Amino acid sequence: MDIEKLRREFFVSTDLAEEDLARLVQALRPYCAVDKAGKVEVRRADLSGRQQIKLVLAARLVAHKLNESISEELDADDLSGSTGLPKNQAAARAKECVDEGFAERSARGNYRARAGRLDGFFLELSGSVGASRATG
């Protein structure tokens, strides 16, 4: 058996491959956009506060992978500015994202999404948005 193939199948990558980026950009486009400075604009009002925070974190991670001059990390002020949530609520929702393993918090108090958790978020997002449209 090819040892390199075994490595690729067994070890989890924390980086995003080029084909992953293309797929993630397509998944993000209906929900948000990122400007050249890295500010995320959430386009959907039907998302919960936690979903908005996850969306902003995911968008910034993908933006960083496409343009390294954009930081993948955001603080509570950045999250509040992108979501419209008050700063204290944005920080609380970001802490929930860390607690559930979607994001990490740096020593400086900034937050960043974990690449390996994005697919699960998009499944959650597509299911919950579809459910809210069906019931709402």
N, C-alpha and C. Protein backbone atom coordinates (compact mmCIF):
# COMPACT_ATOMS: atom_id res chain seq x y z
N MET A 1 0.84 -1.19 0.00
CA MET A 1 0.00 0.00 0.00
C MET A 1 0.88 1.24 0.00
N ASP A 2 0.46 2.26 -0.70
CA ASP A 2 1.18 3.51 -0.83
C ASP A 2 1.09 4.30 0.49
N ILE A 3 2.24 4.56 1.11
CA ILE A 3 2.27 5.25 2.41
C ILE A 3 1.75 6.69 2.30
N GLU A 4 2.02 7.36 1.19
CA GLU A 4 1.53 8.73 1.01
C GLU A 4 0.01 8.76 0.94
N LYS A 5 -0.56 7.80 0.26
CA LYS A 5 -2.02 7.71 0.18
C LYS A 5 -2.61 7.47 1.58
N LEU A 6 -1.97 6.62 2.35
CA LEU A 6 -2.43 6.38 3.72
C LEU A 6 -2.38 7.66 4.56
N ARG A 7 -1.32 8.42 4.41
CA ARG A 7 -1.20 9.69 5.15
C ARG A 7 -2.36 10.62 4.80
N ARG A 8 -2.63 10.76 3.50
CA ARG A 8 -3.71 11.66 3.06
C ARG A 8 -5.06 11.21 3.59
N GLU A 9 -5.28 9.91 3.65
CA GLU A 9 -6.57 9.39 4.11
C GLU A 9 -6.71 9.43 5.63
N PHE A 10 -5.60 9.31 6.34
CA PHE A 10 -5.67 9.18 7.80
C PHE A 10 -5.56 10.51 8.53
N PHE A 11 -4.65 11.36 8.11
CA PHE A 11 -4.41 12.61 8.83
C PHE A 11 -5.38 13.68 8.38
N VAL A 12 -5.95 14.35 9.35
CA VAL A 12 -6.89 15.43 9.08
C VAL A 12 -6.09 16.69 8.76
N SER A 13 -6.44 17.32 7.68
CA SER A 13 -5.77 18.55 7.29
C SER A 13 -6.46 19.74 7.94
N THR A 14 -5.67 20.65 8.46
CA THR A 14 -6.24 21.87 9.03
C THR A 14 -6.18 23.01 8.02
N ASP A 15 -5.69 22.72 6.83
CA ASP A 15 -5.62 23.73 5.80
C ASP A 15 -6.70 23.46 4.76
N LEU A 16 -7.00 24.45 3.98
CA LEU A 16 -8.02 24.32 2.94
C LEU A 16 -7.35 24.19 1.59
N ALA A 17 -7.69 23.12 0.88
CA ALA A 17 -7.16 22.92 -0.46
C ALA A 17 -7.87 23.85 -1.44
N GLU A 18 -7.28 24.03 -2.61
CA GLU A 18 -7.85 24.93 -3.61
C GLU A 18 -9.28 24.54 -3.98
N GLU A 19 -9.54 23.25 -4.13
CA GLU A 19 -10.90 22.82 -4.47
C GLU A 19 -11.88 23.07 -3.31
N ASP A 20 -11.37 23.01 -2.08
CA ASP A 20 -12.21 23.34 -0.93
C ASP A 20 -12.59 24.81 -0.94
N LEU A 21 -11.64 25.67 -1.28
CA LEU A 21 -11.90 27.11 -1.31
C LEU A 21 -12.99 27.45 -2.32
N ALA A 22 -12.91 26.86 -3.49
CA ALA A 22 -13.92 27.13 -4.51
C ALA A 22 -15.30 26.72 -4.03
N ARG A 23 -15.39 25.57 -3.42
CA ARG A 23 -16.67 25.07 -2.90
C ARG A 23 -17.18 25.95 -1.77
N LEU A 24 -16.29 26.39 -0.89
CA LEU A 24 -16.69 27.23 0.24
C LEU A 24 -17.13 28.62 -0.21
N VAL A 25 -16.46 29.17 -1.20
CA VAL A 25 -16.88 30.47 -1.73
C VAL A 25 -18.30 30.36 -2.28
N GLN A 26 -18.57 29.29 -3.02
CA GLN A 26 -19.92 29.09 -3.56
C GLN A 26 -20.95 28.96 -2.44
N ALA A 27 -20.58 28.28 -1.36
CA ALA A 27 -21.51 28.12 -0.23
C ALA A 27 -21.74 29.44 0.50
N LEU A 28 -20.72 30.28 0.58
CA LEU A 28 -20.82 31.55 1.30
C LEU A 28 -21.59 32.63 0.54
N ARG A 29 -21.48 32.62 -0.77
CA ARG A 29 -22.02 33.73 -1.59
C ARG A 29 -23.48 34.08 -1.33
N PRO A 30 -24.39 33.13 -1.12
CA PRO A 30 -25.78 33.55 -0.86
C PRO A 30 -25.97 34.24 0.50
N TYR A 31 -25.01 34.07 1.39
CA TYR A 31 -25.16 34.55 2.76
C TYR A 31 -24.37 35.80 3.09
N CYS A 32 -23.25 36.02 2.39
CA CYS A 32 -22.40 37.15 2.76
C CYS A 32 -21.45 37.51 1.63
N ALA A 33 -20.76 38.63 1.81
CA ALA A 33 -19.69 39.07 0.92
C ALA A 33 -18.61 39.69 1.78
N VAL A 34 -17.40 39.73 1.25
CA VAL A 34 -16.26 40.31 1.96
C VAL A 34 -15.67 41.39 1.08
N ASP A 35 -15.46 42.58 1.67
CA ASP A 35 -14.84 43.64 0.87
C ASP A 35 -13.32 43.50 0.88
N LYS A 36 -12.63 44.34 0.13
CA LYS A 36 -11.18 44.21 -0.03
C LYS A 36 -10.43 44.42 1.28
N ALA A 37 -11.05 45.12 2.21
CA ALA A 37 -10.42 45.34 3.52
C ALA A 37 -10.70 44.20 4.48
N GLY A 38 -11.57 43.27 4.09
CA GLY A 38 -11.87 42.13 4.95
C GLY A 38 -13.15 42.25 5.74
N LYS A 39 -13.88 43.35 5.60
CA LYS A 39 -15.15 43.49 6.33
C LYS A 39 -16.19 42.59 5.69
N VAL A 40 -16.85 41.80 6.53
CA VAL A 40 -17.86 40.86 6.06
C VAL A 40 -19.22 41.52 6.14
N GLU A 41 -19.97 41.43 5.06
CA GLU A 41 -21.34 41.95 5.01
C GLU A 41 -22.28 40.74 5.00
N VAL A 42 -23.05 40.59 6.07
CA VAL A 42 -24.03 39.51 6.14
C VAL A 42 -25.25 39.93 5.33
N ARG A 43 -25.68 39.07 4.41
CA ARG A 43 -26.78 39.40 3.50
C ARG A 43 -28.11 38.80 3.93
N ARG A 44 -28.13 38.05 4.99
CA ARG A 44 -29.35 37.35 5.39
C ARG A 44 -29.79 37.78 6.77
N ALA A 45 -31.04 38.20 6.88
CA ALA A 45 -31.60 38.62 8.17
C ALA A 45 -32.23 37.46 8.92
N ASP A 46 -32.37 36.30 8.26
CA ASP A 46 -33.07 35.17 8.88
C ASP A 46 -32.14 34.24 9.65
N LEU A 47 -30.90 34.67 9.94
CA LEU A 47 -29.96 33.84 10.66
C LEU A 47 -29.94 34.22 12.14
N SER A 48 -29.74 33.23 12.99
CA SER A 48 -29.61 33.51 14.42
C SER A 48 -28.30 34.26 14.66
N GLY A 49 -28.14 34.82 15.85
CA GLY A 49 -26.91 35.52 16.20
C GLY A 49 -25.69 34.61 16.10
N ARG A 50 -25.82 33.39 16.59
CA ARG A 50 -24.69 32.45 16.53
C ARG A 50 -24.37 32.09 15.08
N GLN A 51 -25.39 31.90 14.26
CA GLN A 51 -25.14 31.59 12.85
C GLN A 51 -24.45 32.76 12.15
N GLN A 52 -24.84 33.97 12.49
CA GLN A 52 -24.18 35.14 11.90
C GLN A 52 -22.71 35.19 12.29
N ILE A 53 -22.41 34.92 13.54
CA ILE A 53 -21.03 34.93 14.01
C ILE A 53 -20.23 33.84 13.29
N LYS A 54 -20.80 32.65 13.19
CA LYS A 54 -20.11 31.57 12.47
C LYS A 54 -19.89 31.94 11.02
N LEU A 55 -20.88 32.56 10.41
CA LEU A 55 -20.78 32.96 9.02
C LEU A 55 -19.64 33.96 8.83
N VAL A 56 -19.56 34.94 9.70
CA VAL A 56 -18.51 35.95 9.60
C VAL A 56 -17.13 35.31 9.81
N LEU A 57 -17.03 34.43 10.79
CA LEU A 57 -15.75 33.75 11.04
C LEU A 57 -15.35 32.88 9.85
N ALA A 58 -16.32 32.16 9.28
CA ALA A 58 -16.04 31.30 8.13
C ALA A 58 -15.61 32.14 6.93
N ALA A 59 -16.33 33.23 6.69
CA ALA A 59 -16.02 34.10 5.55
C ALA A 59 -14.62 34.69 5.68
N ARG A 60 -14.25 35.10 6.87
CA ARG A 60 -12.92 35.68 7.05
C ARG A 60 -11.83 34.64 6.90
N LEU A 61 -12.06 33.40 7.33
CA LEU A 61 -11.08 32.34 7.13
C LEU A 61 -10.87 32.11 5.63
N VAL A 62 -11.94 32.00 4.88
CA VAL A 62 -11.85 31.78 3.44
C VAL A 62 -11.19 33.00 2.77
N ALA A 63 -11.57 34.20 3.17
CA ALA A 63 -10.97 35.41 2.60
C ALA A 63 -9.47 35.44 2.86
N HIS A 64 -9.06 35.04 4.06
CA HIS A 64 -7.63 34.99 4.40
C HIS A 64 -6.89 34.00 3.52
N LYS A 65 -7.50 32.86 3.26
CA LYS A 65 -6.85 31.85 2.42
C LYS A 65 -6.71 32.34 0.98
N LEU A 66 -7.63 33.20 0.54
CA LEU A 66 -7.58 33.75 -0.81
C LEU A 66 -6.68 34.98 -0.90
N ASN A 67 -6.54 35.71 0.23
CA ASN A 67 -5.75 36.94 0.27
C ASN A 67 -5.17 37.06 1.66
N GLU A 68 -3.90 36.71 1.81
CA GLU A 68 -3.29 36.66 3.14
C GLU A 68 -3.18 38.02 3.82
N SER A 69 -3.40 39.11 3.10
CA SER A 69 -3.38 40.42 3.74
C SER A 69 -4.63 40.64 4.61
N ILE A 70 -5.64 39.81 4.42
CA ILE A 70 -6.85 39.86 5.25
C ILE A 70 -6.65 38.87 6.41
N SER A 71 -6.76 39.37 7.62
CA SER A 71 -6.57 38.51 8.78
C SER A 71 -7.74 37.54 8.93
N GLU A 72 -7.43 36.33 9.37
CA GLU A 72 -8.49 35.36 9.64
C GLU A 72 -9.10 35.59 11.02
N GLU A 73 -8.48 36.41 11.83
CA GLU A 73 -8.94 36.66 13.19
C GLU A 73 -9.80 37.92 13.27
N LEU A 74 -10.79 37.85 14.15
CA LEU A 74 -11.67 39.00 14.39
C LEU A 74 -11.85 39.16 15.90
N ASP A 75 -12.01 40.40 16.34
CA ASP A 75 -12.35 40.64 17.73
C ASP A 75 -13.84 40.92 17.85
N ALA A 76 -14.30 41.14 19.06
CA ALA A 76 -15.74 41.35 19.29
C ALA A 76 -16.25 42.59 18.55
N ASP A 77 -15.42 43.63 18.43
CA ASP A 77 -15.83 44.83 17.69
C ASP A 77 -16.06 44.51 16.22
N ASP A 78 -15.14 43.73 15.63
CA ASP A 78 -15.29 43.33 14.22
C ASP A 78 -16.56 42.51 14.02
N LEU A 79 -16.78 41.56 14.92
CA LEU A 79 -17.96 40.69 14.82
C LEU A 79 -19.24 41.51 14.96
N SER A 80 -19.23 42.46 15.88
CA SER A 80 -20.39 43.33 16.07
C SER A 80 -20.64 44.18 14.83
N GLY A 81 -19.56 44.72 14.25
CA GLY A 81 -19.70 45.56 13.07
C GLY A 81 -20.25 44.81 11.87
N SER A 82 -19.89 43.55 11.73
CA SER A 82 -20.36 42.76 10.58
C SER A 82 -21.77 42.22 10.76
N THR A 83 -22.16 41.97 12.00
CA THR A 83 -23.46 41.34 12.24
C THR A 83 -24.53 42.32 12.68
N GLY A 84 -24.12 43.45 13.24
CA GLY A 84 -25.08 44.38 13.80
C GLY A 84 -25.49 44.03 15.22
N LEU A 85 -24.93 42.94 15.75
CA LEU A 85 -25.21 42.58 17.14
C LEU A 85 -24.45 43.52 18.07
N PRO A 86 -25.01 43.83 19.24
CA PRO A 86 -24.23 44.59 20.22
C PRO A 86 -22.94 43.84 20.56
N LYS A 87 -21.90 44.57 20.91
CA LYS A 87 -20.59 43.96 21.16
C LYS A 87 -20.66 42.84 22.19
N ASN A 88 -21.39 43.05 23.28
CA ASN A 88 -21.46 42.02 24.32
C ASN A 88 -22.14 40.75 23.81
N GLN A 89 -23.16 40.89 22.96
CA GLN A 89 -23.82 39.72 22.38
C GLN A 89 -22.92 39.03 21.37
N ALA A 90 -22.20 39.80 20.57
CA ALA A 90 -21.27 39.21 19.60
C ALA A 90 -20.20 38.41 20.32
N ALA A 91 -19.68 38.95 21.43
CA ALA A 91 -18.66 38.24 22.21
C ALA A 91 -19.24 36.96 22.83
N ALA A 92 -20.46 37.04 23.32
CA ALA A 92 -21.09 35.86 23.92
C ALA A 92 -21.33 34.77 22.87
N ARG A 93 -21.81 35.16 21.68
CA ARG A 93 -22.03 34.18 20.61
C ARG A 93 -20.70 33.58 20.14
N ALA A 94 -19.65 34.41 20.08
CA ALA A 94 -18.33 33.91 19.68
C ALA A 94 -17.80 32.91 20.71
N LYS A 95 -18.03 33.19 21.99
CA LYS A 95 -17.60 32.24 23.04
C LYS A 95 -18.34 30.92 22.88
N GLU A 96 -19.62 30.97 22.53
CA GLU A 96 -20.39 29.74 22.28
C GLU A 96 -19.77 28.96 21.12
N CYS A 97 -19.32 29.67 20.10
CA CYS A 97 -18.68 29.01 18.95
C CYS A 97 -17.38 28.33 19.37
N VAL A 98 -16.64 28.96 20.28
CA VAL A 98 -15.42 28.35 20.81
C VAL A 98 -15.79 27.13 21.64
N ASP A 99 -16.77 27.27 22.51
CA ASP A 99 -17.18 26.16 23.39
C ASP A 99 -17.62 24.93 22.60
N GLU A 100 -18.25 25.13 21.46
CA GLU A 100 -18.71 23.99 20.66
C GLU A 100 -17.65 23.49 19.68
N GLY A 101 -16.49 24.15 19.65
CA GLY A 101 -15.39 23.69 18.81
C GLY A 101 -15.36 24.24 17.40
N PHE A 102 -16.28 25.13 17.06
CA PHE A 102 -16.28 25.72 15.72
C PHE A 102 -15.14 26.72 15.53
N ALA A 103 -14.81 27.42 16.61
CA ALA A 103 -13.80 28.48 16.53
C ALA A 103 -12.77 28.31 17.63
N GLU A 104 -11.69 29.06 17.47
CA GLU A 104 -10.63 29.11 18.48
C GLU A 104 -10.49 30.56 18.92
N ARG A 105 -10.02 30.73 20.14
CA ARG A 105 -9.77 32.08 20.65
C ARG A 105 -8.28 32.22 20.91
N SER A 106 -7.70 33.27 20.38
CA SER A 106 -6.27 33.50 20.58
C SER A 106 -6.03 34.17 21.93
N ALA A 107 -4.78 34.24 22.30
CA ALA A 107 -4.41 34.90 23.56
C ALA A 107 -4.78 36.37 23.55
N ARG A 108 -4.85 36.97 22.38
CA ARG A 108 -5.19 38.40 22.26
C ARG A 108 -6.70 38.64 22.32
N GLY A 109 -7.49 37.59 22.48
CA GLY A 109 -8.94 37.75 22.55
C GLY A 109 -9.62 37.80 21.21
N ASN A 110 -8.91 37.40 20.16
CA ASN A 110 -9.50 37.34 18.84
C ASN A 110 -10.04 35.94 18.57
N TYR A 111 -10.94 35.85 17.61
CA TYR A 111 -11.57 34.58 17.27
C TYR A 111 -11.27 34.23 15.82
N ARG A 112 -11.17 32.93 15.55
CA ARG A 112 -11.01 32.45 14.18
C ARG A 112 -11.69 31.10 14.05
N ALA A 113 -12.26 30.87 12.86
CA ALA A 113 -12.93 29.60 12.58
C ALA A 113 -11.89 28.49 12.43
N ARG A 114 -12.31 27.27 12.75
CA ARG A 114 -11.48 26.09 12.52
C ARG A 114 -11.88 25.49 11.18
N ALA A 115 -10.91 25.37 10.28
CA ALA A 115 -11.19 24.93 8.91
C ALA A 115 -11.95 23.61 8.86
N GLY A 116 -11.64 22.70 9.73
CA GLY A 116 -12.28 21.39 9.70
C GLY A 116 -13.74 21.39 10.11
N ARG A 117 -14.24 22.50 10.60
CA ARG A 117 -15.62 22.57 11.07
C ARG A 117 -16.56 23.31 10.10
N LEU A 118 -16.04 23.80 9.00
CA LEU A 118 -16.86 24.60 8.08
C LEU A 118 -17.94 23.79 7.40
N ASP A 119 -17.63 22.58 6.94
CA ASP A 119 -18.62 21.78 6.24
C ASP A 119 -19.84 21.49 7.12
N GLY A 120 -19.60 21.16 8.37
CA GLY A 120 -20.70 20.92 9.30
C GLY A 120 -21.57 22.15 9.48
N PHE A 121 -20.94 23.32 9.52
CA PHE A 121 -21.70 24.56 9.65
C PHE A 121 -22.58 24.78 8.43
N PHE A 122 -22.06 24.55 7.24
CA PHE A 122 -22.86 24.77 6.04
C PHE A 122 -24.02 23.80 5.95
N LEU A 123 -23.84 22.58 6.44
CA LEU A 123 -24.96 21.64 6.50
C LEU A 123 -26.02 22.15 7.48
N GLU A 124 -25.58 22.61 8.63
CA GLU A 124 -26.48 23.18 9.64
C GLU A 124 -27.22 24.39 9.07
N LEU A 125 -26.48 25.24 8.40
CA LEU A 125 -27.04 26.47 7.86
C LEU A 125 -28.09 26.18 6.79
N SER A 126 -27.77 25.31 5.86
CA SER A 126 -28.73 25.00 4.79
C SER A 126 -29.97 24.33 5.35
N GLY A 127 -29.81 23.49 6.36
CA GLY A 127 -30.98 22.83 6.98
C GLY A 127 -31.83 23.78 7.77
N SER A 128 -31.21 24.66 8.54
CA SER A 128 -32.01 25.55 9.39
C SER A 128 -32.68 26.65 8.58
N VAL A 129 -32.00 27.15 7.56
CA VAL A 129 -32.60 28.19 6.74
C VAL A 129 -33.75 27.61 5.95
N GLY A 130 -33.57 26.41 5.43
CA GLY A 130 -34.65 25.75 4.72
C GLY A 130 -35.85 25.49 5.62
N ALA A 131 -35.58 25.10 6.87
CA ALA A 131 -36.65 24.84 7.83
C ALA A 131 -37.37 26.13 8.19
N SER A 132 -36.61 27.23 8.34
CA SER A 132 -37.28 28.48 8.71
C SER A 132 -38.14 29.00 7.57
N ARG A 133 -37.73 28.77 6.34
CA ARG A 133 -38.55 29.18 5.21
C ARG A 133 -39.81 28.34 5.11
N ALA A 134 -39.69 27.05 5.42
CA ALA A 134 -40.83 26.16 5.30
C ALA A 134 -41.88 26.47 6.37
N THR A 135 -41.39 26.88 7.56
CA THR A 135 -42.32 27.14 8.65
C THR A 135 -42.69 28.60 8.76
N GLY A 136 -41.89 29.47 8.16
CA GLY A 136 -42.10 30.86 8.41
C GLY A 136 -42.77 31.62 7.39
